[in-house]
Amino acid sequence: MAEKPIETLKKMYLATDLGEGAEIVAPADTVWQPMAQRLQEMIRAHSGESLPVVSGEDTSVASLNERHWVVLGNAMNNPGLMALYRRKYAFVDDYYPGGDGYVIRTVHNPESRGHNVLLVGASTPEGGKAALDRLEGVLQDNGKQLGYTNVA
């Protein structure tokens, strides 16, 4: 198989403006639902935007054609995040970050449609709570427009 050189790079969308349209993609598990609600309230408090919360079971990566995602949980409990995991965009599962660890990271234009992902990832509910505690400061500093973000 002959290698084909990359002639044009995809456009990067380094700013994730939650005011442009976004949805929170959360695990369906009842343990994570209060965290999804807290995330929704935090974003509303710091950006003025009220984002809908949808289950990872009820959405697909195709919705990135229309809006940004704020993804909560990990690939094992959130099918929306599993779709990103399989495409090698977001590696958060039962093993990483592990324990009460977390990852807050922006994924820029993963499907080349002009929309980004704010990953609020954790292996456990304890890690999810810690991630939300840390995200509070990120939102306080940035409001609804996030630049490149990578916090662990």
C-alpha atoms as a PDB file:
ATOM      1  CA  MET A   1       0.000   0.000   0.000  1.00  0.00           C
ATOM      2  CA  ALA A   2       1.475   3.325  -1.063  1.00  0.00           C
ATOM      3  CA  GLU A   3       1.553   6.140   1.436  1.00  0.00           C
ATOM      4  CA  LYS A   4      -0.424   9.201   0.514  1.00  0.00           C
ATOM      5  CA  PRO A   5       1.055  12.480   1.779  1.00  0.00           C
ATOM      6  CA  ILE A   6      -1.149  14.870   3.700  1.00  0.00           C
ATOM      7  CA  GLU A   7      -1.500  17.912   1.484  1.00  0.00           C
ATOM      8  CA  THR A   8      -3.909  19.974   3.578  1.00  0.00           C
ATOM      9  CA  LEU A   9      -4.306  20.000   7.337  1.00  0.00           C
ATOM     10  CA  LYS A  10      -7.778  20.130   8.799  1.00  0.00           C
ATOM     11  CA  LYS A  11      -8.858  23.446  10.224  1.00  0.00           C
ATOM     12  CA  MET A  12      -8.334  23.742  13.972  1.00  0.00           C
ATOM     13  CA  TYR A  13     -11.024  25.299  16.126  1.00  0.00           C
ATOM     14  CA  LEU A  14      -8.998  26.149  19.199  1.00  0.00           C
ATOM     15  CA  ALA A  15     -11.808  27.967  20.991  1.00  0.00           C
ATOM     16  CA  THR A  16     -14.756  26.030  22.354  1.00  0.00           C
ATOM     17  CA  ASP A  17     -17.564  28.534  22.786  1.00  0.00           C
ATOM     18  CA  LEU A  18     -20.348  26.842  24.744  1.00  0.00           C
ATOM     19  CA  GLY A  19     -22.644  29.687  23.665  1.00  0.00           C
ATOM     20  CA  GLU A  20     -22.515  28.463  20.055  1.00  0.00           C
ATOM     21  CA  GLY A  21     -24.558  25.415  20.933  1.00  0.00           C
ATOM     22  CA  ALA A  22     -23.492  22.460  23.029  1.00  0.00           C
ATOM     23  CA  GLU A  23     -24.919  19.508  24.878  1.00  0.00           C
ATOM     24  CA  ILE A  24     -23.779  17.588  27.927  1.00  0.00           C
ATOM     25  CA  VAL A  25     -23.327  13.906  27.085  1.00  0.00           C
ATOM     26  CA  ALA A  26     -23.525  11.963  30.341  1.00  0.00           C
ATOM     27  CA  PRO A  27     -23.601   8.345  31.494  1.00  0.00           C
ATOM     28  CA  ALA A  28     -27.105   6.934  31.975  1.00  0.00           C
ATOM     29  CA  ASP A  29     -26.030   5.428  35.318  1.00  0.00           C
ATOM     30  CA  THR A  30     -27.960   7.031  38.200  1.00  0.00           C
ATOM     31  CA  VAL A  31     -24.702   7.544  40.139  1.00  0.00           C
ATOM     32  CA  TRP A  32     -23.511   9.985  37.464  1.00  0.00           C
ATOM     33  CA  GLN A  33     -26.803  11.856  36.962  1.00  0.00           C
ATOM     34  CA  PRO A  34     -26.326  14.258  39.921  1.00  0.00           C
ATOM     35  CA  MET A  35     -22.896  15.102  38.492  1.00  0.00           C
ATOM     36  CA  ALA A  36     -24.459  15.805  35.091  1.00  0.00           C
ATOM     37  CA  GLN A  37     -26.942  18.153  36.767  1.00  0.00           C
ATOM     38  CA  ARG A  38     -24.138  19.852  38.710  1.00  0.00           C
ATOM     39  CA  LEU A  39     -22.177  20.267  35.480  1.00  0.00           C
ATOM     40  CA  GLN A  40     -25.216  21.823  33.814  1.00  0.00           C
ATOM     41  CA  GLU A  41     -25.675  24.248  36.733  1.00  0.00           C
ATOM     42  CA  MET A  42     -21.969  25.174  36.774  1.00  0.00           C
ATOM     43  CA  ILE A  43     -21.973  25.971  33.069  1.00  0.00           C
ATOM     44  CA  ARG A  44     -25.160  28.027  33.458  1.00  0.00           C
ATOM     45  CA  ALA A  45     -23.678  29.959  36.406  1.00  0.00           C
ATOM     46  CA  HIS A  46     -20.422  30.815  34.609  1.00  0.00           C
ATOM     47  CA  SER A  47     -21.629  31.239  31.037  1.00  0.00           C
ATOM     48  CA  GLY A  48     -25.324  32.032  31.160  1.00  0.00           C
ATOM     49  CA  GLU A  49     -25.968  29.037  28.888  1.00  0.00           C
ATOM     50  CA  SER A  50     -28.389  26.268  29.844  1.00  0.00           C
ATOM     51  CA  LEU A  51     -27.124  23.180  28.045  1.00  0.00           C
ATOM     52  CA  PRO A  52     -29.318  20.134  27.569  1.00  0.00           C
ATOM     53  CA  VAL A  53     -28.189  16.899  29.221  1.00  0.00           C
ATOM     54  CA  VAL A  54     -28.449  13.808  27.016  1.00  0.00           C
ATOM     55  CA  SER A  55     -27.533  10.222  27.723  1.00  0.00           C
ATOM     56  CA  GLY A  56     -24.540   8.848  25.875  1.00  0.00           C
ATOM     57  CA  GLU A  57     -26.873   6.018  24.882  1.00  0.00           C
ATOM     58  CA  ASP A  58     -29.191   8.461  23.102  1.00  0.00           C
ATOM     59  CA  THR A  59     -26.720  10.403  20.972  1.00  0.00           C
ATOM     60  CA  SER A  60     -24.045   9.750  18.375  1.00  0.00           C
ATOM     61  CA  VAL A  61     -20.875  11.407  17.163  1.00  0.00           C
ATOM     62  CA  ALA A  62     -22.945  12.678  14.226  1.00  0.00           C
ATOM     63  CA  SER A  63     -24.399  15.332  16.560  1.00  0.00           C
ATOM     64  CA  LEU A  64     -20.925  16.915  16.566  1.00  0.00           C
ATOM     65  CA  ASN A  65     -21.954  18.137  13.110  1.00  0.00           C
ATOM     66  CA  GLU A  66     -24.299  20.581  14.852  1.00  0.00           C
ATOM     67  CA  ARG A  67     -22.877  21.400  18.283  1.00  0.00           C
ATOM     68  CA  HIS A  68     -20.055  21.013  20.769  1.00  0.00           C
ATOM     69  CA  TRP A  69     -20.108  18.222  23.328  1.00  0.00           C
ATOM     70  CA  VAL A  70     -19.323  18.375  27.030  1.00  0.00           C
ATOM     71  CA  VAL A  71     -18.684  14.701  27.830  1.00  0.00           C
ATOM     72  CA  LEU A  72     -18.790  13.298  31.363  1.00  0.00           C
ATOM     73  CA  GLY A  73     -17.588   9.915  32.611  1.00  0.00           C
ATOM     74  CA  ASN A  74     -15.510   7.329  30.777  1.00  0.00           C
ATOM     75  CA  ALA A  75     -15.654   5.019  27.783  1.00  0.00           C
ATOM     76  CA  MET A  76     -17.018   2.126  29.843  1.00  0.00           C
ATOM     77  CA  ASN A  77     -20.085   4.001  31.136  1.00  0.00           C
ATOM     78  CA  ASN A  78     -20.774   6.529  28.378  1.00  0.00           C
ATOM     79  CA  PRO A  79     -21.322   5.262  24.810  1.00  0.00           C
ATOM     80  CA  GLY A  80     -20.789   8.794  23.486  1.00  0.00           C
ATOM     81  CA  LEU A  81     -17.334   8.811  25.025  1.00  0.00           C
ATOM     82  CA  MET A  82     -16.730   5.250  23.771  1.00  0.00           C
ATOM     83  CA  ALA A  83     -17.243   6.531  20.215  1.00  0.00           C
ATOM     84  CA  LEU A  84     -14.456   9.079  20.782  1.00  0.00           C
ATOM     85  CA  TYR A  85     -12.310   6.418  22.492  1.00  0.00           C
ATOM     86  CA  ARG A  86     -12.563   4.098  19.498  1.00  0.00           C
ATOM     87  CA  ARG A  87     -11.484   6.935  17.215  1.00  0.00           C
ATOM     88  CA  LYS A  88      -8.469   7.587  19.501  1.00  0.00           C
ATOM     89  CA  TYR A  89      -9.621  11.053  20.580  1.00  0.00           C
ATOM     90  CA  ALA A  90     -10.281  10.460  24.273  1.00  0.00           C
ATOM     91  CA  PHE A  91      -8.616   7.775  26.361  1.00  0.00           C
ATOM     92  CA  VAL A  92     -10.558   7.662  29.601  1.00  0.00           C
ATOM     93  CA  ASP A  93     -11.681   4.276  30.869  1.00  0.00           C
ATOM     94  CA  ASP A  94     -11.794   2.167  34.034  1.00  0.00           C
ATOM     95  CA  TYR A  95      -7.984   2.093  34.129  1.00  0.00           C
ATOM     96  CA  TYR A  96      -6.998   5.683  33.236  1.00  0.00           C
ATOM     97  CA  PRO A  97      -6.974   8.069  35.017  1.00  0.00           C
ATOM     98  CA  GLY A  98      -7.887   5.556  37.743  1.00  0.00           C
ATOM     99  CA  GLY A  99      -9.038   5.912  41.340  1.00  0.00           C
ATOM    100  CA  ASP A 100     -10.137   9.433  42.138  1.00  0.00           C
ATOM    101  CA  GLY A 101      -8.125  10.888  39.249  1.00  0.00           C
ATOM    102  CA  TYR A 102      -9.662  12.891  36.435  1.00  0.00           C
ATOM    103  CA  VAL A 103      -8.951  14.531  33.095  1.00  0.00           C
ATOM    104  CA  ILE A 104     -10.339  17.828  31.827  1.00  0.00           C
ATOM    105  CA  ARG A 105      -9.328  18.276  28.225  1.00  0.00           C
ATOM    106  CA  THR A 106     -10.530  19.912  25.043  1.00  0.00           C
ATOM    107  CA  VAL A 107     -10.582  17.844  21.869  1.00  0.00           C
ATOM    108  CA  HIS A 108     -10.474  20.134  18.861  1.00  0.00           C
ATOM    109  CA  ASN A 109     -12.590  19.444  15.796  1.00  0.00           C
ATOM    110  CA  PRO A 110     -12.462  15.638  16.090  1.00  0.00           C
ATOM    111  CA  GLU A 111     -14.883  14.958  13.244  1.00  0.00           C
ATOM    112  CA  SER A 112     -13.743  17.878  11.039  1.00  0.00           C
ATOM    113  CA  ARG A 113     -17.148  19.553  11.369  1.00  0.00           C
ATOM    114  CA  GLY A 114     -16.090  22.648  13.309  1.00  0.00           C
ATOM    115  CA  HIS A 115     -17.240  21.499  16.742  1.00  0.00           C
ATOM    116  CA  ASN A 116     -15.183  20.508  19.756  1.00  0.00           C
ATOM    117  CA  VAL A 117     -15.422  18.321  22.837  1.00  0.00           C
ATOM    118  CA  LEU A 118     -14.836  19.332  26.431  1.00  0.00           C
ATOM    119  CA  LEU A 119     -13.916  16.065  28.110  1.00  0.00           C
ATOM    120  CA  VAL A 120     -14.657  15.821  31.841  1.00  0.00           C
ATOM    121  CA  GLY A 121     -13.342  12.318  32.293  1.00  0.00           C
ATOM    122  CA  ALA A 122     -12.954  10.055  35.289  1.00  0.00           C
ATOM    123  CA  SER A 123     -12.756   6.335  36.007  1.00  0.00           C
ATOM    124  CA  THR A 124     -14.896   6.526  39.130  1.00  0.00           C
ATOM    125  CA  PRO A 125     -17.668   8.711  40.555  1.00  0.00           C
ATOM    126  CA  GLU A 126     -15.160  10.056  43.097  1.00  0.00           C
ATOM    127  CA  GLY A 127     -12.926  11.136  40.226  1.00  0.00           C
ATOM    128  CA  GLY A 128     -15.939  12.686  38.518  1.00  0.00           C
ATOM    129  CA  LYS A 129     -16.685  14.778  41.595  1.00  0.00           C
ATOM    130  CA  ALA A 130     -13.045  15.880  41.773  1.00  0.00           C
ATOM    131  CA  ALA A 131     -13.141  16.807  38.080  1.00  0.00           C
ATOM    132  CA  LEU A 132     -16.205  18.982  38.632  1.00  0.00           C
ATOM    133  CA  ASP A 133     -14.522  20.690  41.572  1.00  0.00           C
ATOM    134  CA  ARG A 134     -11.537  21.552  39.346  1.00  0.00           C
ATOM    135  CA  LEU A 135     -13.698  22.486  36.358  1.00  0.00           C
ATOM    136  CA  GLU A 136     -15.441  25.084  38.522  1.00  0.00           C
ATOM    137  CA  GLY A 137     -12.188  27.079  38.552  1.00  0.00           C
ATOM    138  CA  VAL A 138     -11.640  26.627  34.822  1.00  0.00           C
ATOM    139  CA  LEU A 139     -15.131  27.971  34.092  1.00  0.00           C
ATOM    140  CA  GLN A 140     -14.689  30.786  36.588  1.00  0.00           C
ATOM    141  CA  ASP A 141     -11.540  31.878  34.750  1.00  0.00           C
ATOM    142  CA  ASN A 142     -12.902  31.431  31.206  1.00  0.00           C
ATOM    143  CA  GLY A 143     -16.689  31.660  31.196  1.00  0.00           C
ATOM    144  CA  LYS A 144     -18.316  30.078  28.168  1.00  0.00           C
ATOM    145  CA  GLN A 145     -15.305  30.311  25.848  1.00  0.00           C
ATOM    146  CA  LEU A 146     -12.561  27.806  26.526  1.00  0.00           C
ATOM    147  CA  GLY A 147      -9.252  27.712  24.746  1.00  0.00           C
ATOM    148  CA  TYR A 148      -6.923  24.726  24.791  1.00  0.00           C
ATOM    149  CA  THR A 149      -7.507  23.015  28.122  1.00  0.00           C
ATOM    150  CA  ASN A 150      -5.575  20.064  29.562  1.00  0.00           C
ATOM    151  CA  VAL A 151      -5.877  19.521  33.317  1.00  0.00           C
ATOM    152  CA  ALA A 152      -5.253  16.219  35.103  1.00  0.00           C
END
